[in-house]
C-alpha atoms as a PDB file:
ATOM      1  CA  UNK A   1      92.328  91.197 114.030  1.00  0.00           C
ATOM      2  CA  UNK A   2      89.269  88.861 113.337  1.00  0.00           C
ATOM      3  CA  UNK A   3      89.771  85.255 111.426  1.00  0.00           C
ATOM      4  CA  UNK A   4      87.596  82.445 109.573  1.00  0.00           C
ATOM      5  CA  UNK A   5      89.764  79.708 107.952  1.00  0.00           C
ATOM      6  CA  UNK A   6      92.262  80.937 105.527  1.00  0.00           C
ATOM      7  CA  UNK A   7      91.259  84.212 105.860  1.00  0.00           C
ATOM      8  CA  UNK A   8      92.549  87.093 108.800  1.00  0.00           C
ATOM      9  CA  UNK A   9      91.447  90.396 109.255  1.00  0.00           C
ATOM     10  CA  UNK A  10      92.825  92.959 110.712  1.00  0.00           C
ATOM     11  CA  UNK A  11      90.382  96.465 111.565  1.00  0.00           C
ATOM     12  CA  UNK A  12      91.517  99.865 112.316  1.00  0.00           C
ATOM     13  CA  UNK A  13      89.121 101.992 112.872  1.00  0.00           C
ATOM     14  CA  UNK A  14      87.715 102.379 109.322  1.00  0.00           C
ATOM     15  CA  UNK A  15      89.943 100.220 107.845  1.00  0.00           C
ATOM     16  CA  UNK A  16      90.076  96.344 107.476  1.00  0.00           C
ATOM     17  CA  UNK A  17      92.653  95.060 106.216  1.00  0.00           C
ATOM     18  CA  UNK A  18      92.063  90.969 104.870  1.00  0.00           C
ATOM     19  CA  UNK A  19      94.980  88.843 104.287  1.00  0.00           C
ATOM     20  CA  UNK A  20      94.713  85.282 102.391  1.00  0.00           C
ATOM     21  CA  UNK A  21      96.753  82.690 104.370  1.00  0.00           C
ATOM     22  CA  UNK A  22      96.659  79.957 101.783  1.00  0.00           C
ATOM     23  CA  UNK A  23      98.850  80.560  98.687  1.00  0.00           C
ATOM     24  CA  UNK A  24      97.165  79.703  94.894  1.00  0.00           C
ATOM     25  CA  UNK A  25      93.539  80.005  93.680  1.00  0.00           C
ATOM     26  CA  UNK A  26      90.993  82.364  95.472  1.00  0.00           C
ATOM     27  CA  UNK A  27      88.147  79.652  94.847  1.00  0.00           C
ATOM     28  CA  UNK A  28      86.231  77.353  96.752  1.00  0.00           C
ATOM     29  CA  UNK A  29      82.053  78.810  97.063  1.00  0.00           C
ATOM     30  CA  UNK A  30      81.683  77.510 100.701  1.00  0.00           C
ATOM     31  CA  UNK A  31      84.816  79.774 101.697  1.00  0.00           C
ATOM     32  CA  UNK A  32      84.189  82.817  99.898  1.00  0.00           C
ATOM     33  CA  UNK A  33      80.469  81.954 100.737  1.00  0.00           C
ATOM     34  CA  UNK A  34      81.822  81.649 104.622  1.00  0.00           C
ATOM     35  CA  UNK A  35      84.368  84.807 104.124  1.00  0.00           C
ATOM     36  CA  UNK A  36      81.908  87.754 102.815  1.00  0.00           C
ATOM     37  CA  UNK A  37      79.166  87.238 105.172  1.00  0.00           C
ATOM     38  CA  UNK A  38      82.180  87.040 108.041  1.00  0.00           C
ATOM     39  CA  UNK A  39      84.070  90.890 106.473  1.00  0.00           C
ATOM     40  CA  UNK A  40      79.837  91.852 106.051  1.00  0.00           C
ATOM     41  CA  UNK A  41      79.442  91.400 110.420  1.00  0.00           C
ATOM     42  CA  UNK A  42      83.141  93.336 110.303  1.00  0.00           C
ATOM     43  CA  UNK A  43      81.833  96.325 108.008  1.00  0.00           C
ATOM     44  CA  UNK A  44      79.347  96.883 110.115  1.00  0.00           C
ATOM     45  CA  UNK A  45      80.739  96.005 113.237  1.00  0.00           C
ATOM     46  CA  UNK A  46      83.892  98.316 113.216  1.00  0.00           C
ATOM     47  CA  UNK A  47      82.029 100.625 110.062  1.00  0.00           C
ATOM     48  CA  UNK A  48      84.443 100.092 108.046  1.00  0.00           C
ATOM     49  CA  UNK A  49      84.732 102.417 105.211  1.00  0.00           C
ATOM     50  CA  UNK A  50      87.931 101.504 103.403  1.00  0.00           C
ATOM     51  CA  UNK A  51      89.182  97.634 102.551  1.00  0.00           C
ATOM     52  CA  UNK A  52      92.319  96.642 101.583  1.00  0.00           C
ATOM     53  CA  UNK A  53      92.687  92.894 100.687  1.00  0.00           C
ATOM     54  CA  UNK A  54      96.296  91.840 100.799  1.00  0.00           C
ATOM     55  CA  UNK A  55      96.760  89.241  97.355  1.00  0.00           C
ATOM     56  CA  UNK A  56     100.178  88.760  98.337  1.00  0.00           C
ATOM     57  CA  UNK A  57      99.947  85.067  98.390  1.00  0.00           C
ATOM     58  CA  UNK A  58      96.884  84.534  95.509  1.00  0.00           C
ATOM     59  CA  UNK A  59      98.130  84.136  92.141  1.00  0.00           C
ATOM     60  CA  UNK A  60      94.437  84.005  90.857  1.00  0.00           C
ATOM     61  CA  UNK A  61      90.471  84.556  91.222  1.00  0.00           C
ATOM     62  CA  UNK A  62      87.161  83.918  90.158  1.00  0.00           C
ATOM     63  CA  UNK A  63      84.536  85.775  88.292  1.00  0.00           C
ATOM     64  CA  UNK A  64      82.646  85.661  91.892  1.00  0.00           C
ATOM     65  CA  UNK A  65      84.803  87.160  94.261  1.00  0.00           C
ATOM     66  CA  UNK A  66      85.639  90.175  91.553  1.00  0.00           C
ATOM     67  CA  UNK A  67      81.589  90.609  91.214  1.00  0.00           C
ATOM     68  CA  UNK A  68      81.676  90.530  94.884  1.00  0.00           C
ATOM     69  CA  UNK A  69      84.960  93.800  95.017  1.00  0.00           C
ATOM     70  CA  UNK A  70      82.745  95.530  93.209  1.00  0.00           C
ATOM     71  CA  UNK A  71      79.845  94.738  94.574  1.00  0.00           C
ATOM     72  CA  UNK A  72      81.684  96.303  97.908  1.00  0.00           C
ATOM     73  CA  UNK A  73      82.815  99.273  95.936  1.00  0.00           C
ATOM     74  CA  UNK A  74      78.574 100.067  94.928  1.00  0.00           C
ATOM     75  CA  UNK A  75      78.157  99.880  98.816  1.00  0.00           C
ATOM     76  CA  UNK A  76      79.958 102.597  98.740  1.00  0.00           C
ATOM     77  CA  UNK A  77      83.370 100.975 100.438  1.00  0.00           C
ATOM     78  CA  UNK A  78      86.909 102.306  99.369  1.00  0.00           C
ATOM     79  CA  UNK A  79      88.732  98.977  97.492  1.00  0.00           C
ATOM     80  CA  UNK A  80      92.411  98.535  97.732  1.00  0.00           C
ATOM     81  CA  UNK A  81      94.315  95.675  96.548  1.00  0.00           C
ATOM     82  CA  UNK A  82      98.097  95.622  97.494  1.00  0.00           C
ATOM     83  CA  UNK A  83     100.263  93.257  96.925  1.00  0.00           C
ATOM     84  CA  UNK A  84      99.006  92.249  93.227  1.00  0.00           C
ATOM     85  CA  UNK A  85     100.306  89.145  91.412  1.00  0.00           C
ATOM     86  CA  UNK A  86     101.280  89.621  87.578  1.00  0.00           C
ATOM     87  CA  UNK A  87      98.491  87.493  86.474  1.00  0.00           C
ATOM     88  CA  UNK A  88      95.681  88.633  88.955  1.00  0.00           C
ATOM     89  CA  UNK A  89      97.186  92.126  87.214  1.00  0.00           C
ATOM     90  CA  UNK A  90      96.339  91.206  84.489  1.00  0.00           C
ATOM     91  CA  UNK A  91      92.958  89.697  84.703  1.00  0.00           C
ATOM     92  CA  UNK A  92      92.211  93.593  86.380  1.00  0.00           C
ATOM     93  CA  UNK A  93      93.433  95.089  83.525  1.00  0.00           C
ATOM     94  CA  UNK A  94      91.410  93.306  80.973  1.00  0.00           C
ATOM     95  CA  UNK A  95      88.203  93.252  83.027  1.00  0.00           C
ATOM     96  CA  UNK A  96      88.616  97.218  83.263  1.00  0.00           C
ATOM     97  CA  UNK A  97      88.464  96.194  86.762  1.00  0.00           C
ATOM     98  CA  UNK A  98      91.478  98.601  88.060  1.00  0.00           C
ATOM     99  CA  UNK A  99      90.191 101.271  87.000  1.00  0.00           C
ATOM    100  CA  UNK A 100      87.946 100.971  89.881  1.00  0.00           C
ATOM    101  CA  UNK A 101      90.126  99.943  92.721  1.00  0.00           C
ATOM    102  CA  UNK A 102      93.723 101.570  93.654  1.00  0.00           C
ATOM    103  CA  UNK A 103      95.921  99.063  93.335  1.00  0.00           C
ATOM    104  CA  UNK A 104      99.382  98.897  94.983  1.00  0.00           C
ATOM    105  CA  UNK A 105     102.442  97.377  96.589  1.00  0.00           C
ATOM    106  CA  UNK A 106     103.549  97.543  99.890  1.00  0.00           C
ATOM    107  CA  UNK A 107     103.199  95.663 103.403  1.00  0.00           C
ATOM    108  CA  UNK A 108     101.044  95.927 106.637  1.00  0.00           C
ATOM    109  CA  UNK A 109     102.732  98.845 107.997  1.00  0.00           C
ATOM    110  CA  UNK A 110     102.333 100.763 103.972  1.00  0.00           C
ATOM    111  CA  UNK A 111      98.682  99.828 104.060  1.00  0.00           C
ATOM    112  CA  UNK A 112      97.754 101.251 106.943  1.00  0.00           C
ATOM    113  CA  UNK A 113      99.194 104.191 106.473  1.00  0.00           C
ATOM    114  CA  UNK A 114      98.026 104.815 102.763  1.00  0.00           C
ATOM    115  CA  UNK A 115      94.286 103.435 104.428  1.00  0.00           C
ATOM    116  CA  UNK A 116      94.122 106.470 106.569  1.00  0.00           C
ATOM    117  CA  UNK A 117      94.766 109.052 104.198  1.00  0.00           C
ATOM    118  CA  UNK A 118      91.585 108.249 103.102  1.00  0.00           C
END
């Protein structure tokens, strides 16, 4: 497991699971920049191919974070979003990003099992 303030990253083979500690709006340019920098390091170090984002505590995602998710997908990574709340789901559907990412509900164990099927 790897940590950044407000963020937890668990790795298992070529899978990384990202959890956010704080509830609410996923924002702050500083946090996003720090988190992505750290995530890039984890992706390289562990040869990650699947990124699972647990959004259980997140009620809103800024457009720059959505752009980062698209960028990660464009790099060939599989992006899975779990425990997406109704407000975030609405944004994903409105932007058609729900068609790019696998969006599901589940527990941490279910996320790992799902990712291993890739």
